[in-house]
Amino acid sequence: MTDKAKPPKKPHHVYTLVVEVGRKTGDGLPDGSTGAGLMCYASGVDEAEAVRETVAILKQADMAPLDVTGYGTRSDREEQGHEIDEDEADLMQKALAENAVIVAQVTPYFDKDKS
């Protein structure tokens, strides 16, 4: 028997994603909202994997992902001039350590035309 060496694992990075979600029964969003924007930190070997994992997790949580905007890794964001505070950095580190998707903020949307 020969043991084949496993190829080294590719390093994971944490990506900042904003996911727009619509309404779905059981989604937990406030009554009267039309959807929400979710700021997420997701671990992945690349941004595409982070997006796929995030969408899959949100679907499992009875949410209806409609669109995802990626803002890159922490270093990408810092190069763009984004300020990252300690709390945000801690959440990014947690996502990396746990190979997880963390929803850091939920902003419900409401239709302005309805009175």
PDB file of N, CA and C in Angstrom:
ATOM      1  N   MET A   1       0.843  -1.182   0.000  1.00  0.00           N
ATOM      2  CA  MET A   1       0.000   0.000   0.000  1.00  0.00           C
ATOM      3  C   MET A   1       0.882   1.237   0.000  1.00  0.00           C
ATOM      4  N   THR A   2       0.506   2.159  -0.835  1.00  0.00           N
ATOM      5  CA  THR A   2       1.226   3.431  -0.841  1.00  0.00           C
ATOM      6  C   THR A   2       0.278   4.529  -0.440  1.00  0.00           C
ATOM      7  N   ASP A   3       0.784   5.411   0.380  1.00  0.00           N
ATOM      8  CA  ASP A   3      -0.021   6.563   0.786  1.00  0.00           C
ATOM      9  C   ASP A   3       0.243   7.700  -0.186  1.00  0.00           C
ATOM     10  N   LYS A   4      -0.799   8.106  -0.837  1.00  0.00           N
ATOM     11  CA  LYS A   4      -0.656   9.252  -1.736  1.00  0.00           C
ATOM     12  C   LYS A   4      -0.782  10.518  -0.914  1.00  0.00           C
ATOM     13  N   ALA A   5       0.150  11.392  -1.127  1.00  0.00           N
ATOM     14  CA  ALA A   5       0.097  12.669  -0.398  1.00  0.00           C
ATOM     15  C   ALA A   5      -1.067  13.494  -0.936  1.00  0.00           C
ATOM     16  N   LYS A   6      -1.806  14.056   0.000  1.00  0.00           N
ATOM     17  CA  LYS A   6      -2.909  14.925  -0.397  1.00  0.00           C
ATOM     18  C   LYS A   6      -2.334  16.262  -0.836  1.00  0.00           C
ATOM     19  N   PRO A   7      -2.920  16.842  -1.867  1.00  0.00           N
ATOM     20  CA  PRO A   7      -2.430  18.165  -2.252  1.00  0.00           C
ATOM     21  C   PRO A   7      -2.703  19.154  -1.126  1.00  0.00           C
ATOM     22  N   PRO A   8      -1.811  20.134  -0.958  1.00  0.00           N
ATOM     23  CA  PRO A   8      -2.039  21.090   0.134  1.00  0.00           C
ATOM     24  C   PRO A   8      -3.336  21.851  -0.082  1.00  0.00           C
ATOM     25  N   LYS A   9      -3.994  22.128   1.039  1.00  0.00           N
ATOM     26  CA  LYS A   9      -5.239  22.882   0.961  1.00  0.00           C
ATOM     27  C   LYS A   9      -4.937  24.312   0.539  1.00  0.00           C
ATOM     28  N   LYS A  10      -5.810  24.843  -0.284  1.00  0.00           N
ATOM     29  CA  LYS A  10      -5.651  26.231  -0.693  1.00  0.00           C
ATOM     30  C   LYS A  10      -6.049  27.123   0.476  1.00  0.00           C
ATOM     31  N   PRO A  11      -5.340  28.216   0.651  1.00  0.00           N
ATOM     32  CA  PRO A  11      -5.683  29.092   1.778  1.00  0.00           C
ATOM     33  C   PRO A  11      -7.046  29.746   1.577  1.00  0.00           C
ATOM     34  N   HIS A  12      -7.749  29.891   2.665  1.00  0.00           N
ATOM     35  CA  HIS A  12      -9.046  30.563   2.643  1.00  0.00           C
ATOM     36  C   HIS A  12      -8.844  32.034   2.951  1.00  0.00           C
ATOM     37  N   HIS A  13      -9.732  32.824   2.420  1.00  0.00           N
ATOM     38  CA  HIS A  13      -9.769  34.254   2.684  1.00  0.00           C
ATOM     39  C   HIS A  13     -11.187  34.587   3.108  1.00  0.00           C
ATOM     40  N   VAL A  14     -11.373  35.753   3.698  1.00  0.00           N
ATOM     41  CA  VAL A  14     -12.716  36.204   4.069  1.00  0.00           C
ATOM     42  C   VAL A  14     -13.108  37.320   3.117  1.00  0.00           C
ATOM     43  N   TYR A  15     -14.298  37.190   2.558  1.00  0.00           N
ATOM     44  CA  TYR A  15     -14.823  38.159   1.602  1.00  0.00           C
ATOM     45  C   TYR A  15     -16.012  38.885   2.211  1.00  0.00           C
ATOM     46  N   THR A  16     -16.089  40.169   1.936  1.00  0.00           N
ATOM     47  CA  THR A  16     -17.232  40.966   2.371  1.00  0.00           C
ATOM     48  C   THR A  16     -18.247  40.957   1.241  1.00  0.00           C
ATOM     49  N   LEU A  17     -19.465  40.543   1.565  1.00  0.00           N
ATOM     50  CA  LEU A  17     -20.537  40.437   0.575  1.00  0.00           C
ATOM     51  C   LEU A  17     -21.765  41.170   1.080  1.00  0.00           C
ATOM     52  N   VAL A  18     -22.472  41.818   0.157  1.00  0.00           N
ATOM     53  CA  VAL A  18     -23.783  42.373   0.476  1.00  0.00           C
ATOM     54  C   VAL A  18     -24.788  41.592  -0.360  1.00  0.00           C
ATOM     55  N   VAL A  19     -25.729  40.960   0.336  1.00  0.00           N
ATOM     56  CA  VAL A  19     -26.724  40.118  -0.323  1.00  0.00           C
ATOM     57  C   VAL A  19     -28.086  40.790  -0.209  1.00  0.00           C
ATOM     58  N   GLU A  20     -28.721  40.988  -1.355  1.00  0.00           N
ATOM     59  CA  GLU A  20     -30.088  41.508  -1.395  1.00  0.00           C
ATOM     60  C   GLU A  20     -31.021  40.300  -1.362  1.00  0.00           C
ATOM     61  N   VAL A  21     -31.978  40.320  -0.431  1.00  0.00           N
ATOM     62  CA  VAL A  21     -32.930  39.217  -0.337  1.00  0.00           C
ATOM     63  C   VAL A  21     -34.352  39.748  -0.510  1.00  0.00           C
ATOM     64  N   GLY A  22     -35.191  38.917  -1.106  1.00  0.00           N
ATOM     65  CA  GLY A  22     -36.608  39.229  -1.222  1.00  0.00           C
ATOM     66  C   GLY A  22     -37.357  38.578  -0.069  1.00  0.00           C
ATOM     67  N   ARG A  23     -38.651  38.583  -0.173  1.00  0.00           N
ATOM     68  CA  ARG A  23     -39.480  37.992   0.889  1.00  0.00           C
ATOM     69  C   ARG A  23     -39.765  36.533   0.593  1.00  0.00           C
ATOM     70  N   LYS A  24     -39.855  35.757   1.657  1.00  0.00           N
ATOM     71  CA  LYS A  24     -40.202  34.349   1.587  1.00  0.00           C
ATOM     72  C   LYS A  24     -40.823  33.982   2.931  1.00  0.00           C
ATOM     73  N   THR A  25     -41.821  33.146   2.919  1.00  0.00           N
ATOM     74  CA  THR A  25     -42.459  32.712   4.162  1.00  0.00           C
ATOM     75  C   THR A  25     -41.408  32.139   5.106  1.00  0.00           C
ATOM     76  N   GLY A  26     -41.422  32.618   6.344  1.00  0.00           N
ATOM     77  CA  GLY A  26     -40.496  32.114   7.344  1.00  0.00           C
ATOM     78  C   GLY A  26     -39.127  32.761   7.328  1.00  0.00           C
ATOM     79  N   ASP A  27     -38.966  33.858   6.584  1.00  0.00           N
ATOM     80  CA  ASP A  27     -37.641  34.475   6.465  1.00  0.00           C
ATOM     81  C   ASP A  27     -37.207  35.276   7.691  1.00  0.00           C
ATOM     82  N   GLY A  28     -38.139  35.578   8.593  1.00  0.00           N
ATOM     83  CA  GLY A  28     -37.779  36.295   9.812  1.00  0.00           C
ATOM     84  C   GLY A  28     -37.634  37.796   9.656  1.00  0.00           C
ATOM     85  N   LEU A  29     -37.929  38.313   8.479  1.00  0.00           N
ATOM     86  CA  LEU A  29     -37.844  39.763   8.273  1.00  0.00           C
ATOM     87  C   LEU A  29     -39.073  40.439   8.872  1.00  0.00           C
ATOM     88  N   PRO A  30     -38.969  41.733   9.205  1.00  0.00           N
ATOM     89  CA  PRO A  30     -40.104  42.424   9.823  1.00  0.00           C
ATOM     90  C   PRO A  30     -41.333  42.479   8.919  1.00  0.00           C
ATOM     91  N   ASP A  31     -42.530  42.455   9.547  1.00  0.00           N
ATOM     92  CA  ASP A  31     -43.775  42.595   8.797  1.00  0.00           C
ATOM     93  C   ASP A  31     -43.742  43.904   8.026  1.00  0.00           C
ATOM     94  N   GLY A  32     -44.216  43.874   6.800  1.00  0.00           N
ATOM     95  CA  GLY A  32     -44.287  45.072   5.976  1.00  0.00           C
ATOM     96  C   GLY A  32     -43.028  45.352   5.184  1.00  0.00           C
ATOM     97  N   SER A  33     -41.941  44.646   5.461  1.00  0.00           N
ATOM     98  CA  SER A  33     -40.720  44.884   4.681  1.00  0.00           C
ATOM     99  C   SER A  33     -40.840  44.184   3.333  1.00  0.00           C
ATOM    100  N   THR A  34     -40.145  44.738   2.354  1.00  0.00           N
ATOM    101  CA  THR A  34     -40.176  44.180   1.004  1.00  0.00           C
ATOM    102  C   THR A  34     -38.958  43.300   0.730  1.00  0.00           C
ATOM    103  N   GLY A  35     -38.041  43.246   1.659  1.00  0.00           N
ATOM    104  CA  GLY A  35     -36.804  42.486   1.521  1.00  0.00           C
ATOM    105  C   GLY A  35     -35.781  43.080   2.456  1.00  0.00           C
ATOM    106  N   ALA A  36     -34.496  42.788   2.194  1.00  0.00           N
ATOM    107  CA  ALA A  36     -33.442  43.314   3.060  1.00  0.00           C
ATOM    108  C   ALA A  36     -32.100  43.233   2.365  1.00  0.00           C
ATOM    109  N   GLY A  37     -31.172  43.988   2.907  1.00  0.00           N
ATOM    110  CA  GLY A  37     -29.771  43.893   2.520  1.00  0.00           C
ATOM    111  C   GLY A  37     -29.021  43.282   3.686  1.00  0.00           C
ATOM    112  N   LEU A  38     -28.201  42.284   3.422  1.00  0.00           N
ATOM    113  CA  LEU A  38     -27.440  41.603   4.468  1.00  0.00           C
ATOM    114  C   LEU A  38     -25.960  41.784   4.205  1.00  0.00           C
ATOM    115  N   MET A  39     -25.246  42.332   5.180  1.00  0.00           N
ATOM    116  CA  MET A  39     -23.796  42.385   5.068  1.00  0.00           C
ATOM    117  C   MET A  39     -23.251  41.114   5.686  1.00  0.00           C
ATOM    118  N   CYS A  40     -22.474  40.395   4.883  1.00  0.00           N
ATOM    119  CA  CYS A  40     -21.954  39.101   5.309  1.00  0.00           C
ATOM    120  C   CYS A  40     -20.444  39.045   5.152  1.00  0.00           C
ATOM    121  N   TYR A  41     -19.824  38.246   6.020  1.00  0.00           N
ATOM    122  CA  TYR A  41     -18.416  37.896   5.882  1.00  0.00           C
ATOM    123  C   TYR A  41     -18.387  36.396   5.653  1.00  0.00           C
ATOM    124  N   ALA A  42     -17.764  36.003   4.538  1.00  0.00           N
ATOM    125  CA  ALA A  42     -17.789  34.591   4.173  1.00  0.00           C
ATOM    126  C   ALA A  42     -16.396  34.107   3.818  1.00  0.00           C
ATOM    127  N   SER A  43     -16.059  32.941   4.332  1.00  0.00           N
ATOM    128  CA  SER A  43     -14.767  32.320   4.070  1.00  0.00           C
ATOM    129  C   SER A  43     -14.839  31.505   2.780  1.00  0.00           C
ATOM    130  N   GLY A  44     -13.739  31.539   2.021  1.00  0.00           N
ATOM    131  CA  GLY A  44     -13.669  30.738   0.805  1.00  0.00           C
ATOM    132  C   GLY A  44     -12.287  30.812   0.195  1.00  0.00           C
ATOM    133  N   VAL A  45     -11.981  29.868  -0.694  1.00  0.00           N
ATOM    134  CA  VAL A  45     -10.686  29.911  -1.381  1.00  0.00           C
ATOM    135  C   VAL A  45     -10.672  31.031  -2.416  1.00  0.00           C
ATOM    136  N   ASP A  46     -11.858  31.414  -2.874  1.00  0.00           N
ATOM    137  CA  ASP A  46     -11.988  32.556  -3.764  1.00  0.00           C
ATOM    138  C   ASP A  46     -13.375  33.168  -3.555  1.00  0.00           C
ATOM    139  N   GLU A  47     -13.609  34.314  -4.178  1.00  0.00           N
ATOM    140  CA  GLU A  47     -14.878  35.001  -3.951  1.00  0.00           C
ATOM    141  C   GLU A  47     -16.066  34.201  -4.476  1.00  0.00           C
ATOM    142  N   ALA A  48     -15.880  33.500  -5.579  1.00  0.00           N
ATOM    143  CA  ALA A  48     -16.979  32.699  -6.135  1.00  0.00           C
ATOM    144  C   ALA A  48     -17.438  31.635  -5.140  1.00  0.00           C
ATOM    145  N   GLU A  49     -16.490  30.978  -4.482  1.00  0.00           N
ATOM    146  CA  GLU A  49     -16.864  29.972  -3.483  1.00  0.00           C
ATOM    147  C   GLU A  49     -17.576  30.627  -2.304  1.00  0.00           C
ATOM    148  N   ALA A  50     -17.085  31.779  -1.865  1.00  0.00           N
ATOM    149  CA  ALA A  50     -17.717  32.489  -0.747  1.00  0.00           C
ATOM    150  C   ALA A  50     -19.161  32.860  -1.097  1.00  0.00           C
ATOM    151  N   VAL A  51     -19.389  33.292  -2.330  1.00  0.00           N
ATOM    152  CA  VAL A  51     -20.745  33.640  -2.775  1.00  0.00           C
ATOM    153  C   VAL A  51     -21.631  32.402  -2.781  1.00  0.00           C
ATOM    154  N   ARG A  52     -21.147  31.304  -3.369  1.00  0.00           N
ATOM    155  CA  ARG A  52     -21.940  30.057  -3.423  1.00  0.00           C
ATOM    156  C   ARG A  52     -22.328  29.586  -2.025  1.00  0.00           C
ATOM    157  N   GLU A  53     -21.367  29.587  -1.109  1.00  0.00           N
ATOM    158  CA  GLU A  53     -21.637  29.138   0.255  1.00  0.00           C
ATOM    159  C   GLU A  53     -22.645  30.053   0.952  1.00  0.00           C
ATOM    160  N   THR A  54     -22.502  31.345   0.752  1.00  0.00           N
ATOM    161  CA  THR A  54     -23.409  32.308   1.379  1.00  0.00           C
ATOM    162  C   THR A  54     -24.827  32.117   0.873  1.00  0.00           C
ATOM    163  N   VAL A  55     -24.991  32.005  -0.426  1.00  0.00           N
ATOM    164  CA  VAL A  55     -26.322  31.807  -1.012  1.00  0.00           C
ATOM    165  C   VAL A  55     -26.936  30.506  -0.497  1.00  0.00           C
ATOM    166  N   ALA A  56     -26.149  29.445  -0.435  1.00  0.00           N
ATOM    167  CA  ALA A  56     -26.659  28.152   0.049  1.00  0.00           C
ATOM    168  C   ALA A  56     -27.119  28.252   1.506  1.00  0.00           C
ATOM    169  N   ILE A  57     -26.333  28.909   2.340  1.00  0.00           N
ATOM    170  CA  ILE A  57     -26.689  29.049   3.762  1.00  0.00           C
ATOM    171  C   ILE A  57     -27.961  29.877   3.915  1.00  0.00           C
ATOM    172  N   LEU A  58     -28.067  30.966   3.169  1.00  0.00           N
ATOM    173  CA  LEU A  58     -29.257  31.815   3.270  1.00  0.00           C
ATOM    174  C   LEU A  58     -30.508  31.073   2.797  1.00  0.00           C
ATOM    175  N   LYS A  59     -30.381  30.264   1.761  1.00  0.00           N
ATOM    176  CA  LYS A  59     -31.530  29.466   1.309  1.00  0.00           C
ATOM    177  C   LYS A  59     -31.954  28.466   2.380  1.00  0.00           C
ATOM    178  N   GLN A  60     -30.970  27.869   3.071  1.00  0.00           N
ATOM    179  CA  GLN A  60     -31.289  26.935   4.151  1.00  0.00           C
ATOM    180  C   GLN A  60     -32.010  27.649   5.289  1.00  0.00           C
ATOM    181  N   ALA A  61     -31.773  28.951   5.423  1.00  0.00           N
ATOM    182  CA  ALA A  61     -32.407  29.747   6.487  1.00  0.00           C
ATOM    183  C   ALA A  61     -33.727  30.363   6.011  1.00  0.00           C
ATOM    184  N   ASP A  62     -34.303  29.806   4.951  1.00  0.00           N
ATOM    185  CA  ASP A  62     -35.576  30.261   4.392  1.00  0.00           C
ATOM    186  C   ASP A  62     -35.544  31.705   3.909  1.00  0.00           C
ATOM    187  N   MET A  63     -34.387  32.154   3.427  1.00  0.00           N
ATOM    188  CA  MET A  63     -34.296  33.485   2.834  1.00  0.00           C
ATOM    189  C   MET A  63     -34.268  33.319   1.318  1.00  0.00           C
ATOM    190  N   ALA A  64     -34.544  34.416   0.605  1.00  0.00           N
ATOM    191  CA  ALA A  64     -34.618  34.384  -0.849  1.00  0.00           C
ATOM    192  C   ALA A  64     -33.562  35.316  -1.446  1.00  0.00           C
ATOM    193  N   PRO A  65     -32.301  34.849  -1.582  1.00  0.00           N
ATOM    194  CA  PRO A  65     -31.255  35.691  -2.153  1.00  0.00           C
ATOM    195  C   PRO A  65     -31.571  36.068  -3.602  1.00  0.00           C
ATOM    196  N   LEU A  66     -31.426  37.362  -3.904  1.00  0.00           N
ATOM    197  CA  LEU A  66     -31.700  37.854  -5.247  1.00  0.00           C
ATOM    198  C   LEU A  66     -30.433  38.306  -5.963  1.00  0.00           C
ATOM    199  N   ASP A  67     -29.526  38.947  -5.216  1.00  0.00           N
ATOM    200  CA  ASP A  67     -28.329  39.518  -5.820  1.00  0.00           C
ATOM    201  C   ASP A  67     -27.218  39.577  -4.780  1.00  0.00           C
ATOM    202  N   VAL A  68     -25.986  39.375  -5.222  1.00  0.00           N
ATOM    203  CA  VAL A  68     -24.838  39.445  -4.326  1.00  0.00           C
ATOM    204  C   VAL A  68     -23.816  40.396  -4.931  1.00  0.00           C
ATOM    205  N   THR A  69     -23.334  41.327  -4.114  1.00  0.00           N
ATOM    206  CA  THR A  69     -22.258  42.223  -4.517  1.00  0.00           C
ATOM    207  C   THR A  69     -21.056  41.927  -3.638  1.00  0.00           C
ATOM    208  N   GLY A  70     -19.924  41.651  -4.272  1.00  0.00           N
ATOM    209  CA  GLY A  70     -18.707  41.348  -3.533  1.00  0.00           C
ATOM    210  C   GLY A  70     -17.815  42.570  -3.418  1.00  0.00           C
ATOM    211  N   TYR A  71     -17.226  42.745  -2.241  1.00  0.00           N
ATOM    212  CA  TYR A  71     -16.317  43.860  -1.991  1.00  0.00           C
ATOM    213  C   TYR A  71     -14.892  43.393  -1.750  1.00  0.00           C
ATOM    214  N   GLY A  72     -14.621  42.106  -1.967  1.00  0.00           N
ATOM    215  CA  GLY A  72     -13.273  41.585  -1.857  1.00  0.00           C
ATOM    216  C   GLY A  72     -12.874  41.226  -0.440  1.00  0.00           C
ATOM    217  N   THR A  73     -11.579  40.989  -0.286  1.00  0.00           N
ATOM    218  CA  THR A  73     -11.001  40.621   1.002  1.00  0.00           C
ATOM    219  C   THR A  73     -10.727  41.877   1.812  1.00  0.00           C
ATOM    220  N   ARG A  74     -10.293  41.676   3.028  1.00  0.00           N
ATOM    221  CA  ARG A  74      -9.948  42.816   3.883  1.00  0.00           C
ATOM    222  C   ARG A  74      -8.875  43.680   3.211  1.00  0.00           C
ATOM    223  N   SER A  75      -7.833  43.035   2.683  1.00  0.00           N
ATOM    224  CA  SER A  75      -6.764  43.814   2.042  1.00  0.00           C
ATOM    225  C   SER A  75      -7.278  44.549   0.810  1.00  0.00           C
ATOM    226  N   ASP A  76      -8.179  43.918   0.043  1.00  0.00           N
ATOM    227  CA  ASP A  76      -8.786  44.599  -1.113  1.00  0.00           C
ATOM    228  C   ASP A  76      -9.509  45.861  -0.645  1.00  0.00           C
ATOM    229  N   ARG A  77     -10.281  45.723   0.409  1.00  0.00           N
ATOM    230  CA  ARG A  77     -11.063  46.855   0.916  1.00  0.00           C
ATOM    231  C   ARG A  77     -10.164  47.954   1.460  1.00  0.00           C
ATOM    232  N   GLU A  78      -9.106  47.564   2.173  1.00  0.00           N
ATOM    233  CA  GLU A  78      -8.183  48.571   2.706  1.00  0.00           C
ATOM    234  C   GLU A  78      -7.489  49.334   1.580  1.00  0.00           C
ATOM    235  N   GLU A  79      -7.147  48.630   0.492  1.00  0.00           N
ATOM    236  CA  GLU A  79      -6.541  49.286  -0.669  1.00  0.00           C
ATOM    237  C   GLU A  79      -7.499  50.296  -1.295  1.00  0.00           C
ATOM    238  N   GLN A  80      -8.806  50.048  -1.164  1.00  0.00           N
ATOM    239  CA  GLN A  80      -9.830  50.956  -1.701  1.00  0.00           C
ATOM    240  C   GLN A  80     -10.135  52.099  -0.736  1.00  0.00           C
ATOM    241  N   GLY A  81      -9.495  52.091   0.437  1.00  0.00           N
ATOM    242  CA  GLY A  81      -9.696  53.163   1.399  1.00  0.00           C
ATOM    243  C   GLY A  81     -10.782  52.920   2.426  1.00  0.00           C
ATOM    244  N   HIS A  82     -11.319  51.704   2.483  1.00  0.00           N
ATOM    245  CA  HIS A  82     -12.343  51.386   3.484  1.00  0.00           C
ATOM    246  C   HIS A  82     -11.696  51.306   4.858  1.00  0.00           C
ATOM    247  N   GLU A  83     -12.361  51.874   5.841  1.00  0.00           N
ATOM    248  CA  GLU A  83     -11.890  51.745   7.218  1.00  0.00           C
ATOM    249  C   GLU A  83     -12.570  50.527   7.835  1.00  0.00           C
ATOM    250  N   ILE A  84     -11.782  49.684   8.475  1.00  0.00           N
ATOM    251  CA  ILE A  84     -12.309  48.465   9.087  1.00  0.00           C
ATOM    252  C   ILE A  84     -12.042  48.568  10.587  1.00  0.00           C
ATOM    253  N   ASP A  85     -13.136  48.668  11.351  1.00  0.00           N
ATOM    254  CA  ASP A  85     -12.967  48.818  12.794  1.00  0.00           C
ATOM    255  C   ASP A  85     -12.703  47.462  13.452  1.00  0.00           C
ATOM    256  N   GLU A  86     -12.421  47.500  14.736  1.00  0.00           N
ATOM    257  CA  GLU A  86     -12.041  46.293  15.466  1.00  0.00           C
ATOM    258  C   GLU A  86     -13.149  45.242  15.477  1.00  0.00           C
ATOM    259  N   ASP A  87     -14.401  45.684  15.647  1.00  0.00           N
ATOM    260  CA  ASP A  87     -15.522  44.727  15.659  1.00  0.00           C
ATOM    261  C   ASP A  87     -15.647  44.012  14.320  1.00  0.00           C
ATOM    262  N   GLU A  88     -15.508  44.767  13.227  1.00  0.00           N
ATOM    263  CA  GLU A  88     -15.597  44.171  11.892  1.00  0.00           C
ATOM    264  C   GLU A  88     -14.431  43.205  11.671  1.00  0.00           C
ATOM    265  N   ALA A  89     -13.241  43.600  12.065  1.00  0.00           N
ATOM    266  CA  ALA A  89     -12.070  42.730  11.929  1.00  0.00           C
ATOM    267  C   ALA A  89     -12.250  41.442  12.734  1.00  0.00           C
ATOM    268  N   ASP A  90     -12.844  41.557  13.924  1.00  0.00           N
ATOM    269  CA  ASP A  90     -13.095  40.370  14.754  1.00  0.00           C
ATOM    270  C   ASP A  90     -14.070  39.409  14.063  1.00  0.00           C
ATOM    271  N   LEU A  91     -15.125  39.960  13.453  1.00  0.00           N
ATOM    272  CA  LEU A  91     -16.087  39.105  12.742  1.00  0.00           C
ATOM    273  C   LEU A  91     -15.441  38.431  11.538  1.00  0.00           C
ATOM    274  N   MET A  92     -14.580  39.159  10.839  1.00  0.00           N
ATOM    275  CA  MET A  92     -13.855  38.569   9.703  1.00  0.00           C
ATOM    276  C   MET A  92     -12.967  37.420  10.181  1.00  0.00           C
ATOM    277  N   GLN A  93     -12.277  37.633  11.279  1.00  0.00           N
ATOM    278  CA  GLN A  93     -11.397  36.594  11.817  1.00  0.00           C
ATOM    279  C   GLN A  93     -12.205  35.377  12.254  1.00  0.00           C
ATOM    280  N   LYS A  94     -13.373  35.612  12.840  1.00  0.00           N
ATOM    281  CA  LYS A  94     -14.236  34.504  13.261  1.00  0.00           C
ATOM    282  C   LYS A  94     -14.701  33.704  12.044  1.00  0.00           C
ATOM    283  N   ALA A  95     -15.082  34.388  10.965  1.00  0.00           N
ATOM    284  CA  ALA A  95     -15.511  33.696   9.745  1.00  0.00           C
ATOM    285  C   ALA A  95     -14.383  32.825   9.208  1.00  0.00           C
ATOM    286  N   LEU A  96     -13.157  33.341   9.252  1.00  0.00           N
ATOM    287  CA  LEU A  96     -12.011  32.579   8.773  1.00  0.00           C
ATOM    288  C   LEU A  96     -11.729  31.381   9.677  1.00  0.00           C
ATOM    289  N   ALA A  97     -11.694  31.621  10.985  1.00  0.00           N
ATOM    290  CA  ALA A  97     -11.374  30.557  11.936  1.00  0.00           C
ATOM    291  C   ALA A  97     -12.391  29.425  11.901  1.00  0.00           C
ATOM    292  N   GLU A  98     -13.659  29.775  11.687  1.00  0.00           N
ATOM    293  CA  GLU A  98     -14.726  28.775  11.705  1.00  0.00           C
ATOM    294  C   GLU A  98     -15.137  28.319  10.305  1.00  0.00           C
ATOM    295  N   ASN A  99     -14.453  28.840   9.267  1.00  0.00           N
ATOM    296  CA  ASN A  99     -14.827  28.540   7.878  1.00  0.00           C
ATOM    297  C   ASN A  99     -16.332  28.710   7.722  1.00  0.00           C
ATOM    298  N   ALA A 100     -16.803  29.913   8.051  1.00  0.00           N
ATOM    299  CA  ALA A 100     -18.235  30.166   8.191  1.00  0.00           C
ATOM    300  C   ALA A 100     -18.688  31.364   7.374  1.00  0.00           C
ATOM    301  N   VAL A 101     -20.004  31.504   7.327  1.00  0.00           N
ATOM    302  CA  VAL A 101     -20.655  32.700   6.800  1.00  0.00           C
ATOM    303  C   VAL A 101     -21.267  33.413   7.999  1.00  0.00           C
ATOM    304  N   ILE A 102     -20.914  34.661   8.177  1.00  0.00           N
ATOM    305  CA  ILE A 102     -21.449  35.446   9.285  1.00  0.00           C
ATOM    306  C   ILE A 102     -22.257  36.601   8.723  1.00  0.00           C
ATOM    307  N   VAL A 103     -23.516  36.688   9.130  1.00  0.00           N
ATOM    308  CA  VAL A 103     -24.362  37.822   8.751  1.00  0.00           C
ATOM    309  C   VAL A 103     -24.148  38.873   9.837  1.00  0.00           C
ATOM    310  N   ALA A 104     -23.476  39.959   9.461  1.00  0.00           N
ATOM    311  CA  ALA A 104     -23.095  40.976  10.431  1.00  0.00           C
ATOM    312  C   ALA A 104     -24.157  42.048  10.600  1.00  0.00           C
ATOM    313  N   GLN A 105     -24.949  42.277   9.548  1.00  0.00           N
ATOM    314  CA  GLN A 105     -25.956  43.340   9.605  1.00  0.00           C
ATOM    315  C   GLN A 105     -27.105  43.009   8.669  1.00  0.00           C
ATOM    316  N   VAL A 106     -28.319  43.298   9.128  1.00  0.00           N
ATOM    317  CA  VAL A 106     -29.521  43.122   8.309  1.00  0.00           C
ATOM    318  C   VAL A 106     -30.233  44.475   8.258  1.00  0.00           C
ATOM    319  N   THR A 107     -30.447  44.976   7.045  1.00  0.00           N
ATOM    320  CA  THR A 107     -31.152  46.244   6.863  1.00  0.00           C
ATOM    321  C   THR A 107     -32.442  45.966   6.086  1.00  0.00           C
ATOM    322  N   PRO A 108     -33.590  45.941   6.780  1.00  0.00           N
ATOM    323  CA  PRO A 108     -34.857  45.687   6.082  1.00  0.00           C
ATOM    324  C   PRO A 108     -35.203  46.847   5.144  1.00  0.00           C
ATOM    325  N   TYR A 109     -35.852  46.512   4.054  1.00  0.00           N
ATOM    326  CA  TYR A 109     -36.336  47.514   3.094  1.00  0.00           C
ATOM    327  C   TYR A 109     -37.838  47.639   3.219  1.00  0.00           C
ATOM    328  N   PHE A 110     -38.303  48.864   3.143  1.00  0.00           N
ATOM    329  CA  PHE A 110     -39.746  49.133   3.185  1.00  0.00           C
ATOM    330  C   PHE A 110     -40.125  49.970   1.998  1.00  0.00           C
ATOM    331  N   ASP A 111     -41.308  49.695   1.425  1.00  0.00           N
ATOM    332  CA  ASP A 111     -41.799  50.429   0.265  1.00  0.00           C
ATOM    333  C   ASP A 111     -42.221  51.830   0.714  1.00  0.00           C
ATOM    334  N   LYS A 112     -41.570  52.857   0.176  1.00  0.00           N
ATOM    335  CA  LYS A 112     -41.861  54.237   0.549  1.00  0.00           C
ATOM    336  C   LYS A 112     -43.239  54.693   0.074  1.00  0.00           C
ATOM    337  N   ASP A 113     -43.746  54.070  -0.982  1.00  0.00           N
ATOM    338  CA  ASP A 113     -45.020  54.494  -1.564  1.00  0.00           C
ATOM    339  C   ASP A 113     -46.229  54.076  -0.739  1.00  0.00           C
ATOM    340  N   LYS A 114     -46.064  53.092   0.115  1.00  0.00           N
ATOM    341  CA  LYS A 114     -47.199  52.631   0.918  1.00  0.00           C
ATOM    342  C   LYS A 114     -47.376  53.520   2.122  1.00  0.00           C
ATOM    343  N   SER A 115     -48.619  53.874   2.421  1.00  0.00           N
ATOM    344  CA  SER A 115     -48.896  54.737   3.575  1.00  0.00           C
ATOM    345  C   SER A 115     -49.705  53.999   4.609  1.00  0.00           C
TER     346      SER A 115
END
